[in-house]
Amino acid sequence: MMKRLILLGVILMGVNLTMSCRVLIPREHRESTATWNGDTQLVEGLSRYKARLSWNPLSQEMIVGPATTEILVYAMKPASLSLSEAKQIGKSPGRILPSGLVVSGTSVYYLVEEDGLRTLFVVDMNGGQPQSLLSGEILAISASERTLAVFGLLSGRTVVWVSGLDESGRLKARLEGSYEVPGSSSTPLFRFMKDRLYVKSAGSVYLFDADGARGRATTFPACFYAIDVDKGLSPDGRLFSRSADDELRVIQADPFYPNSRMTDRIDDDRGC
């Protein structure tokens, strides 16, 4: 009987050590976000890092190692569901933020987080190293790709930087002066209409453009959408995704057509 108990203990110890080793061995993780440059280019921000569970069985804390983000460009043919080989145009330390990637001309802007700090980078598809611009939380671009907006937090207040872009997507002016979003201490709802940025906060809608803050808007979009509503979706409805197994897929989905109706009433959300 005693021999059986000893044998059982040895077996259980071996199983426990095997499970502990599996927990302690770091595994590679990937995070991806993508956007389209018209119908002929797909741009992906791909982050890679290793993580493991804590050795303490009572803790489910994930211990995450340093991350690196690559900016990859895929050539596409109109209406095609096939991707070309990826071309890496930039690499930065940190993890890319969800929906933290926009394209204008040959310029790619993206937000990464490293050690709790979120930084906006820009890289040119034609060559050169990524350049850091400023600290930000949320990134957005107008449909014309001629106006860029970056939301951030300063002393607990939500602020926004807005700048015009040239044909290559380069900033027309440095992102220096920020504008406070009245009544907001977190990321508010916002939406670009043409090159005007409408921000919904504290029961009002405020207007910003590349020339500055315009105060309360008297008319504004009836519908405000989540920032990731068209994540990975091309103008003609092709949807890109990367699975946990690193499988790339492009499928035909439905295009997204945002409601463009304007209103002067904050509670008017018909058709949204």
C-alpha atoms as a PDB file:
ATOM      1  CA  MET A   1       0.000   0.000   0.000  1.00  0.00           C
ATOM      2  CA  MET A   2       2.788   2.387   0.959  1.00  0.00           C
ATOM      3  CA  LYS A   3       4.600   1.693  -2.326  1.00  0.00           C
ATOM      4  CA  ARG A   4       1.445   2.544  -4.275  1.00  0.00           C
ATOM      5  CA  LEU A   5       1.065   5.858  -2.422  1.00  0.00           C
ATOM      6  CA  ILE A   6       4.704   6.726  -3.084  1.00  0.00           C
ATOM      7  CA  LEU A   7       4.315   5.842  -6.778  1.00  0.00           C
ATOM      8  CA  LEU A   8       1.130   7.921  -7.027  1.00  0.00           C
ATOM      9  CA  GLY A   9       2.916  10.855  -5.407  1.00  0.00           C
ATOM     10  CA  VAL A  10       5.784  10.612  -7.878  1.00  0.00           C
ATOM     11  CA  ILE A  11       3.334  10.519 -10.818  1.00  0.00           C
ATOM     12  CA  LEU A  12       1.394  13.543  -9.533  1.00  0.00           C
ATOM     13  CA  MET A  13       4.647  15.424  -8.954  1.00  0.00           C
ATOM     14  CA  GLY A  14       5.700  14.701 -12.521  1.00  0.00           C
ATOM     15  CA  VAL A  15       2.360  15.886 -13.888  1.00  0.00           C
ATOM     16  CA  ASN A  16       2.583  19.049 -11.788  1.00  0.00           C
ATOM     17  CA  LEU A  17       6.129  19.756 -12.986  1.00  0.00           C
ATOM     18  CA  THR A  18       5.064  19.209 -16.598  1.00  0.00           C
ATOM     19  CA  MET A  19       2.145  21.625 -16.215  1.00  0.00           C
ATOM     20  CA  SER A  20       4.385  24.144 -14.437  1.00  0.00           C
ATOM     21  CA  CYS A  21       6.919  23.975 -17.254  1.00  0.00           C
ATOM     22  CA  ARG A  22       4.175  24.592 -19.800  1.00  0.00           C
ATOM     23  CA  VAL A  23       3.017  27.587 -17.805  1.00  0.00           C
ATOM     24  CA  LEU A  24       6.522  28.974 -17.296  1.00  0.00           C
ATOM     25  CA  ILE A  25       7.658  28.607 -20.907  1.00  0.00           C
ATOM     26  CA  PRO A  26       6.908  31.892 -22.725  1.00  0.00           C
ATOM     27  CA  ARG A  27       4.702  31.615 -25.798  1.00  0.00           C
ATOM     28  CA  GLU A  28       4.706  34.033 -28.719  1.00  0.00           C
ATOM     29  CA  HIS A  29       1.625  36.205 -29.062  1.00  0.00           C
ATOM     30  CA  ARG A  30       0.576  38.422 -31.957  1.00  0.00           C
ATOM     31  CA  GLU A  31      -1.720  41.423 -32.210  1.00  0.00           C
ATOM     32  CA  SER A  32      -2.772  42.858 -35.550  1.00  0.00           C
ATOM     33  CA  THR A  33      -4.664  45.839 -36.863  1.00  0.00           C
ATOM     34  CA  ALA A  34      -5.031  46.807 -40.513  1.00  0.00           C
ATOM     35  CA  THR A  35      -6.264  49.539 -42.806  1.00  0.00           C
ATOM     36  CA  TRP A  36      -6.561  49.977 -46.565  1.00  0.00           C
ATOM     37  CA  ASN A  37      -4.925  52.477 -48.864  1.00  0.00           C
ATOM     38  CA  GLY A  38      -7.661  52.620 -51.486  1.00  0.00           C
ATOM     39  CA  ASP A  39      -8.464  49.247 -53.074  1.00  0.00           C
ATOM     40  CA  THR A  40      -4.916  48.282 -54.078  1.00  0.00           C
ATOM     41  CA  GLN A  41      -2.892  48.304 -50.849  1.00  0.00           C
ATOM     42  CA  LEU A  42      -3.385  46.806 -47.414  1.00  0.00           C
ATOM     43  CA  VAL A  43      -1.303  48.099 -44.504  1.00  0.00           C
ATOM     44  CA  GLU A  44      -0.976  45.981 -41.359  1.00  0.00           C
ATOM     45  CA  GLY A  45       0.488  46.776 -37.970  1.00  0.00           C
ATOM     46  CA  LEU A  46       1.688  43.490 -36.462  1.00  0.00           C
ATOM     47  CA  SER A  47       2.978  43.238 -32.894  1.00  0.00           C
ATOM     48  CA  ARG A  48       4.882  40.243 -31.556  1.00  0.00           C
ATOM     49  CA  TYR A  49       5.764  39.530 -27.939  1.00  0.00           C
ATOM     50  CA  LYS A  50       6.256  36.592 -25.586  1.00  0.00           C
ATOM     51  CA  ALA A  51       4.139  36.029 -22.489  1.00  0.00           C
ATOM     52  CA  ARG A  52       3.637  33.398 -19.812  1.00  0.00           C
ATOM     53  CA  LEU A  53       1.513  32.858 -16.729  1.00  0.00           C
ATOM     54  CA  SER A  54       2.938  33.515 -13.289  1.00  0.00           C
ATOM     55  CA  TRP A  55       4.577  30.523 -11.559  1.00  0.00           C
ATOM     56  CA  ASN A  56       2.126  31.041  -8.673  1.00  0.00           C
ATOM     57  CA  PRO A  57      -0.834  28.660  -9.324  1.00  0.00           C
ATOM     58  CA  LEU A  58      -3.134  30.948  -7.322  1.00  0.00           C
ATOM     59  CA  SER A  59      -2.368  33.870  -9.622  1.00  0.00           C
ATOM     60  CA  GLN A  60      -3.493  34.110 -13.234  1.00  0.00           C
ATOM     61  CA  GLU A  61      -1.262  37.113 -13.879  1.00  0.00           C
ATOM     62  CA  MET A  62       0.216  37.204 -17.368  1.00  0.00           C
ATOM     63  CA  ILE A  63       3.874  38.200 -17.484  1.00  0.00           C
ATOM     64  CA  VAL A  64       4.502  39.941 -20.802  1.00  0.00           C
ATOM     65  CA  GLY A  65       7.894  40.487 -22.384  1.00  0.00           C
ATOM     66  CA  PRO A  66       8.973  43.376 -24.624  1.00  0.00           C
ATOM     67  CA  ALA A  67       7.012  43.790 -27.851  1.00  0.00           C
ATOM     68  CA  THR A  68       7.983  44.856 -31.345  1.00  0.00           C
ATOM     69  CA  THR A  69       5.640  46.218 -34.008  1.00  0.00           C
ATOM     70  CA  GLU A  70       6.205  45.824 -37.735  1.00  0.00           C
ATOM     71  CA  ILE A  71       4.419  47.862 -40.389  1.00  0.00           C
ATOM     72  CA  LEU A  72       3.708  45.620 -43.380  1.00  0.00           C
ATOM     73  CA  VAL A  73       2.360  46.556 -46.815  1.00  0.00           C
ATOM     74  CA  TYR A  74       0.583  44.112 -49.145  1.00  0.00           C
ATOM     75  CA  ALA A  75      -0.161  44.877 -52.787  1.00  0.00           C
ATOM     76  CA  MET A  76      -3.706  43.985 -53.859  1.00  0.00           C
ATOM     77  CA  LYS A  77      -5.619  43.916 -57.112  1.00  0.00           C
ATOM     78  CA  PRO A  78      -9.101  45.485 -57.139  1.00  0.00           C
ATOM     79  CA  ALA A  79     -11.742  42.928 -56.063  1.00  0.00           C
ATOM     80  CA  SER A  80      -9.038  40.280 -55.450  1.00  0.00           C
ATOM     81  CA  LEU A  81      -8.944  38.232 -52.240  1.00  0.00           C
ATOM     82  CA  SER A  82      -5.257  37.312 -52.667  1.00  0.00           C
ATOM     83  CA  LEU A  83      -2.413  39.023 -50.818  1.00  0.00           C
ATOM     84  CA  SER A  84       1.069  39.638 -52.179  1.00  0.00           C
ATOM     85  CA  GLU A  85       4.174  38.983 -50.111  1.00  0.00           C
ATOM     86  CA  ALA A  86       4.431  41.449 -47.251  1.00  0.00           C
ATOM     87  CA  LYS A  87       6.902  44.319 -47.510  1.00  0.00           C
ATOM     88  CA  GLN A  88       8.152  45.628 -44.177  1.00  0.00           C
ATOM     89  CA  ILE A  89       8.479  49.415 -44.183  1.00  0.00           C
ATOM     90  CA  GLY A  90       9.036  50.089 -40.491  1.00  0.00           C
ATOM     91  CA  LYS A  91       9.682  48.576 -37.078  1.00  0.00           C
ATOM     92  CA  SER A  92       9.179  50.109 -33.628  1.00  0.00           C
ATOM     93  CA  PRO A  93       9.304  48.926 -30.010  1.00  0.00           C
ATOM     94  CA  GLY A  94       5.942  48.427 -28.305  1.00  0.00           C
ATOM     95  CA  ARG A  95       2.498  46.970 -29.053  1.00  0.00           C
ATOM     96  CA  ILE A  96       0.229  48.547 -31.629  1.00  0.00           C
ATOM     97  CA  LEU A  97      -3.061  49.891 -30.321  1.00  0.00           C
ATOM     98  CA  PRO A  98      -6.381  48.642 -31.726  1.00  0.00           C
ATOM     99  CA  SER A  99      -7.392  50.916 -34.618  1.00  0.00           C
ATOM    100  CA  GLY A 100      -4.149  52.840 -34.077  1.00  0.00           C
ATOM    101  CA  LEU A 101      -3.170  52.822 -37.758  1.00  0.00           C
ATOM    102  CA  VAL A 102      -4.053  55.214 -40.598  1.00  0.00           C
ATOM    103  CA  VAL A 103      -2.655  55.885 -44.077  1.00  0.00           C
ATOM    104  CA  SER A 104      -2.464  59.046 -46.168  1.00  0.00           C
ATOM    105  CA  GLY A 105      -0.599  59.077 -49.474  1.00  0.00           C
ATOM    106  CA  THR A 106       2.669  57.281 -48.776  1.00  0.00           C
ATOM    107  CA  SER A 107       2.670  58.109 -45.048  1.00  0.00           C
ATOM    108  CA  VAL A 108       1.644  55.588 -42.391  1.00  0.00           C
ATOM    109  CA  TYR A 109       0.777  56.868 -38.904  1.00  0.00           C
ATOM    110  CA  TYR A 110       0.491  54.424 -36.019  1.00  0.00           C
ATOM    111  CA  LEU A 111       0.228  54.349 -32.218  1.00  0.00           C
ATOM    112  CA  VAL A 112       2.191  51.893 -30.077  1.00  0.00           C
ATOM    113  CA  GLU A 113       2.306  51.352 -26.321  1.00  0.00           C
ATOM    114  CA  GLU A 114       5.522  50.583 -24.453  1.00  0.00           C
ATOM    115  CA  ASP A 115       5.927  50.619 -20.659  1.00  0.00           C
ATOM    116  CA  GLY A 116       2.591  52.412 -20.302  1.00  0.00           C
ATOM    117  CA  LEU A 117       3.508  55.222 -22.708  1.00  0.00           C
ATOM    118  CA  ARG A 118       1.611  55.572 -25.981  1.00  0.00           C
ATOM    119  CA  THR A 119       3.559  57.124 -28.837  1.00  0.00           C
ATOM    120  CA  LEU A 120       2.554  58.208 -32.340  1.00  0.00           C
ATOM    121  CA  PHE A 121       4.969  57.242 -35.122  1.00  0.00           C
ATOM    122  CA  VAL A 122       5.046  58.021 -38.838  1.00  0.00           C
ATOM    123  CA  VAL A 123       6.901  56.123 -41.559  1.00  0.00           C
ATOM    124  CA  ASP A 124       7.085  56.662 -45.318  1.00  0.00           C
ATOM    125  CA  MET A 125       6.358  53.734 -47.649  1.00  0.00           C
ATOM    126  CA  ASN A 126       9.165  54.905 -49.932  1.00  0.00           C
ATOM    127  CA  GLY A 127      11.845  54.428 -47.286  1.00  0.00           C
ATOM    128  CA  GLY A 128      13.328  55.866 -44.131  1.00  0.00           C
ATOM    129  CA  GLN A 129      13.078  55.089 -40.438  1.00  0.00           C
ATOM    130  CA  PRO A 130       9.915  55.604 -38.345  1.00  0.00           C
ATOM    131  CA  GLN A 131       9.847  58.950 -36.542  1.00  0.00           C
ATOM    132  CA  SER A 132       8.143  59.532 -33.195  1.00  0.00           C
ATOM    133  CA  LEU A 133       5.837  62.553 -33.086  1.00  0.00           C
ATOM    134  CA  LEU A 134       4.045  62.809 -29.735  1.00  0.00           C
ATOM    135  CA  SER A 135       2.203  60.908 -27.018  1.00  0.00           C
ATOM    136  CA  GLY A 136      -1.414  60.086 -27.884  1.00  0.00           C
ATOM    137  CA  GLU A 137      -4.310  57.755 -27.103  1.00  0.00           C
ATOM    138  CA  ILE A 138      -6.539  57.625 -30.193  1.00  0.00           C
ATOM    139  CA  LEU A 139      -5.791  58.221 -33.880  1.00  0.00           C
ATOM    140  CA  ALA A 140      -8.231  59.259 -36.621  1.00  0.00           C
ATOM    141  CA  ILE A 141      -8.122  60.541 -40.186  1.00  0.00           C
ATOM    142  CA  SER A 142     -10.697  62.185 -42.434  1.00  0.00           C
ATOM    143  CA  ALA A 143     -12.168  60.341 -45.428  1.00  0.00           C
ATOM    144  CA  SER A 144     -10.222  62.637 -47.764  1.00  0.00           C
ATOM    145  CA  GLU A 145      -7.020  61.638 -45.892  1.00  0.00           C
ATOM    146  CA  ARG A 146      -6.104  65.333 -45.689  1.00  0.00           C
ATOM    147  CA  THR A 147      -6.726  65.912 -41.954  1.00  0.00           C
ATOM    148  CA  LEU A 148      -5.252  63.972 -39.032  1.00  0.00           C
ATOM    149  CA  ALA A 149      -6.526  64.010 -35.438  1.00  0.00           C
ATOM    150  CA  VAL A 150      -4.790  62.647 -32.340  1.00  0.00           C
ATOM    151  CA  PHE A 151      -6.586  62.468 -28.994  1.00  0.00           C
ATOM    152  CA  GLY A 152      -4.644  62.442 -25.743  1.00  0.00           C
ATOM    153  CA  LEU A 153      -4.836  63.169 -22.024  1.00  0.00           C
ATOM    154  CA  LEU A 154      -3.139  66.114 -20.330  1.00  0.00           C
ATOM    155  CA  SER A 155      -3.560  66.578 -16.575  1.00  0.00           C
ATOM    156  CA  GLY A 156      -6.699  64.444 -16.637  1.00  0.00           C
ATOM    157  CA  ARG A 157      -8.281  66.434 -19.472  1.00  0.00           C
ATOM    158  CA  THR A 158      -9.014  65.173 -22.979  1.00  0.00           C
ATOM    159  CA  VAL A 159      -7.227  67.155 -25.671  1.00  0.00           C
ATOM    160  CA  VAL A 160      -6.946  66.815 -29.429  1.00  0.00           C
ATOM    161  CA  TRP A 161      -4.263  67.750 -31.950  1.00  0.00           C
ATOM    162  CA  VAL A 162      -5.466  68.434 -35.498  1.00  0.00           C
ATOM    163  CA  SER A 163      -3.281  68.961 -38.568  1.00  0.00           C
ATOM    164  CA  GLY A 164      -3.682  69.149 -42.322  1.00  0.00           C
ATOM    165  CA  LEU A 165      -1.796  66.683 -44.559  1.00  0.00           C
ATOM    166  CA  ASP A 166      -0.297  67.196 -48.006  1.00  0.00           C
ATOM    167  CA  GLU A 167      -0.652  64.853 -51.007  1.00  0.00           C
ATOM    168  CA  SER A 168       2.043  62.522 -49.662  1.00  0.00           C
ATOM    169  CA  GLY A 169       0.405  62.463 -46.236  1.00  0.00           C
ATOM    170  CA  ARG A 170       3.070  64.574 -44.565  1.00  0.00           C
ATOM    171  CA  LEU A 171       2.055  67.013 -41.846  1.00  0.00           C
ATOM    172  CA  LYS A 172       1.577  70.564 -43.095  1.00  0.00           C
ATOM    173  CA  ALA A 173       2.384  71.861 -39.623  1.00  0.00           C
ATOM    174  CA  ARG A 174       3.930  70.317 -36.523  1.00  0.00           C
ATOM    175  CA  LEU A 175       1.568  68.805 -33.966  1.00  0.00           C
ATOM    176  CA  GLU A 176       2.296  71.338 -31.235  1.00  0.00           C
ATOM    177  CA  GLY A 177      -0.756  73.168 -29.897  1.00  0.00           C
ATOM    178  CA  SER A 178      -3.526  70.937 -28.546  1.00  0.00           C
ATOM    179  CA  TYR A 179      -7.163  71.892 -27.983  1.00  0.00           C
ATOM    180  CA  GLU A 180      -9.148  70.871 -24.923  1.00  0.00           C
ATOM    181  CA  VAL A 181     -12.392  68.952 -25.381  1.00  0.00           C
ATOM    182  CA  PRO A 182     -14.771  70.674 -22.923  1.00  0.00           C
ATOM    183  CA  GLY A 183     -16.332  68.491 -20.249  1.00  0.00           C
ATOM    184  CA  SER A 184     -14.400  65.324 -21.097  1.00  0.00           C
ATOM    185  CA  SER A 185     -11.869  63.331 -19.076  1.00  0.00           C
ATOM    186  CA  SER A 186     -11.930  60.231 -21.291  1.00  0.00           C
ATOM    187  CA  THR A 187     -12.110  59.446 -24.995  1.00  0.00           C
ATOM    188  CA  PRO A 188     -15.320  61.054 -26.323  1.00  0.00           C
ATOM    189  CA  LEU A 189     -17.367  60.093 -29.345  1.00  0.00           C
ATOM    190  CA  PHE A 190     -16.105  61.793 -32.483  1.00  0.00           C
ATOM    191  CA  ARG A 191     -16.517  61.763 -36.223  1.00  0.00           C
ATOM    192  CA  PHE A 192     -14.936  63.355 -39.265  1.00  0.00           C
ATOM    193  CA  MET A 193     -17.223  64.913 -41.883  1.00  0.00           C
ATOM    194  CA  LYS A 194     -15.159  66.013 -44.858  1.00  0.00           C
ATOM    195  CA  ASP A 195     -12.168  67.606 -43.108  1.00  0.00           C
ATOM    196  CA  ARG A 196     -14.040  68.774 -40.036  1.00  0.00           C
ATOM    197  CA  LEU A 197     -13.825  66.906 -36.737  1.00  0.00           C
ATOM    198  CA  TYR A 198     -16.992  66.780 -34.624  1.00  0.00           C
ATOM    199  CA  VAL A 199     -16.564  65.726 -30.990  1.00  0.00           C
ATOM    200  CA  LYS A 200     -19.546  64.800 -28.810  1.00  0.00           C
ATOM    201  CA  SER A 201     -19.014  65.613 -25.133  1.00  0.00           C
ATOM    202  CA  ALA A 202     -21.063  66.710 -22.110  1.00  0.00           C
ATOM    203  CA  GLY A 203     -24.330  67.095 -24.014  1.00  0.00           C
ATOM    204  CA  SER A 204     -22.842  69.208 -26.804  1.00  0.00           C
ATOM    205  CA  VAL A 205     -20.907  68.761 -30.044  1.00  0.00           C
ATOM    206  CA  TYR A 206     -17.691  70.698 -30.607  1.00  0.00           C
ATOM    207  CA  LEU A 207     -16.061  71.448 -33.943  1.00  0.00           C
ATOM    208  CA  PHE A 208     -12.342  71.319 -34.769  1.00  0.00           C
ATOM    209  CA  ASP A 209     -10.373  71.583 -37.995  1.00  0.00           C
ATOM    210  CA  ALA A 210      -6.779  72.056 -39.102  1.00  0.00           C
ATOM    211  CA  ASP A 211      -7.010  75.761 -38.265  1.00  0.00           C
ATOM    212  CA  GLY A 212      -8.094  75.248 -34.652  1.00  0.00           C
ATOM    213  CA  ALA A 213     -11.051  74.923 -32.307  1.00  0.00           C
ATOM    214  CA  ARG A 214     -14.349  76.349 -33.580  1.00  0.00           C
ATOM    215  CA  GLY A 215     -16.463  76.083 -30.428  1.00  0.00           C
ATOM    216  CA  ARG A 216     -19.904  74.491 -30.244  1.00  0.00           C
ATOM    217  CA  ALA A 217     -21.278  73.234 -33.549  1.00  0.00           C
ATOM    218  CA  THR A 218     -24.791  74.398 -34.435  1.00  0.00           C
ATOM    219  CA  THR A 219     -25.249  71.536 -36.895  1.00  0.00           C
ATOM    220  CA  PHE A 220     -23.438  68.219 -36.664  1.00  0.00           C
ATOM    221  CA  PRO A 221     -23.681  64.549 -37.722  1.00  0.00           C
ATOM    222  CA  ALA A 222     -26.679  62.701 -36.339  1.00  0.00           C
ATOM    223  CA  CYS A 223     -24.670  59.472 -36.063  1.00  0.00           C
ATOM    224  CA  PHE A 224     -21.429  58.855 -34.201  1.00  0.00           C
ATOM    225  CA  TYR A 225     -19.780  55.441 -34.560  1.00  0.00           C
ATOM    226  CA  ALA A 226     -17.281  53.317 -32.644  1.00  0.00           C
ATOM    227  CA  ILE A 227     -13.740  53.943 -33.881  1.00  0.00           C
ATOM    228  CA  ASP A 228     -13.266  50.314 -34.975  1.00  0.00           C
ATOM    229  CA  VAL A 229     -16.541  49.985 -36.898  1.00  0.00           C
ATOM    230  CA  ASP A 230     -14.708  49.573 -40.222  1.00  0.00           C
ATOM    231  CA  LYS A 231     -11.485  48.004 -38.910  1.00  0.00           C
ATOM    232  CA  GLY A 232      -9.772  45.989 -41.646  1.00  0.00           C
ATOM    233  CA  LEU A 233     -12.541  46.794 -44.151  1.00  0.00           C
ATOM    234  CA  SER A 234     -11.749  48.106 -47.637  1.00  0.00           C
ATOM    235  CA  PRO A 235     -13.927  50.681 -49.421  1.00  0.00           C
ATOM    236  CA  ASP A 236     -15.402  47.868 -51.560  1.00  0.00           C
ATOM    237  CA  GLY A 237     -16.105  45.588 -48.597  1.00  0.00           C
ATOM    238  CA  ARG A 238     -13.098  43.256 -48.457  1.00  0.00           C
ATOM    239  CA  LEU A 239     -12.260  42.307 -44.879  1.00  0.00           C
ATOM    240  CA  PHE A 240      -8.757  41.386 -43.677  1.00  0.00           C
ATOM    241  CA  SER A 241      -7.973  39.338 -40.569  1.00  0.00           C
ATOM    242  CA  ARG A 242      -5.046  37.471 -39.004  1.00  0.00           C
ATOM    243  CA  SER A 243      -5.892  34.443 -36.849  1.00  0.00           C
ATOM    244  CA  ALA A 244      -4.172  33.301 -33.658  1.00  0.00           C
ATOM    245  CA  ASP A 245      -2.476  30.642 -35.812  1.00  0.00           C
ATOM    246  CA  ASP A 246      -0.982  33.402 -37.998  1.00  0.00           C
ATOM    247  CA  GLU A 247      -3.315  32.633 -40.915  1.00  0.00           C
ATOM    248  CA  LEU A 248      -4.093  35.624 -43.147  1.00  0.00           C
ATOM    249  CA  ARG A 249      -7.549  35.882 -44.655  1.00  0.00           C
ATOM    250  CA  VAL A 250      -9.299  38.305 -46.966  1.00  0.00           C
ATOM    251  CA  ILE A 251     -13.023  37.712 -47.440  1.00  0.00           C
ATOM    252  CA  GLN A 252     -15.724  39.603 -49.277  1.00  0.00           C
ATOM    253  CA  ALA A 253     -18.045  41.340 -46.836  1.00  0.00           C
ATOM    254  CA  ASP A 254     -20.451  44.260 -47.078  1.00  0.00           C
ATOM    255  CA  PRO A 255     -19.085  47.790 -47.496  1.00  0.00           C
ATOM    256  CA  PHE A 256     -19.775  50.199 -44.646  1.00  0.00           C
ATOM    257  CA  TYR A 257     -21.697  53.329 -45.585  1.00  0.00           C
ATOM    258  CA  PRO A 258     -21.975  55.691 -42.612  1.00  0.00           C
ATOM    259  CA  ASN A 259     -25.071  57.813 -42.294  1.00  0.00           C
ATOM    260  CA  SER A 260     -24.173  61.350 -43.399  1.00  0.00           C
ATOM    261  CA  ARG A 261     -27.328  63.109 -42.188  1.00  0.00           C
ATOM    262  CA  MET A 262     -26.762  66.354 -40.285  1.00  0.00           C
ATOM    263  CA  THR A 263     -28.910  67.642 -37.430  1.00  0.00           C
ATOM    264  CA  ASP A 264     -29.101  70.415 -34.847  1.00  0.00           C
ATOM    265  CA  ARG A 265     -30.490  68.216 -32.050  1.00  0.00           C
ATOM    266  CA  ILE A 266     -28.188  66.261 -29.741  1.00  0.00           C
ATOM    267  CA  ASP A 267     -30.803  63.501 -29.221  1.00  0.00           C
ATOM    268  CA  ASP A 268     -31.605  63.036 -32.920  1.00  0.00           C
ATOM    269  CA  ASP A 269     -30.188  59.599 -33.771  1.00  0.00           C
ATOM    270  CA  ARG A 270     -32.769  58.378 -36.292  1.00  0.00           C
ATOM    271  CA  GLY A 271     -31.281  55.921 -38.766  1.00  0.00           C
ATOM    272  CA  CYS A 272     -28.055  55.409 -36.826  1.00  0.00           C
END
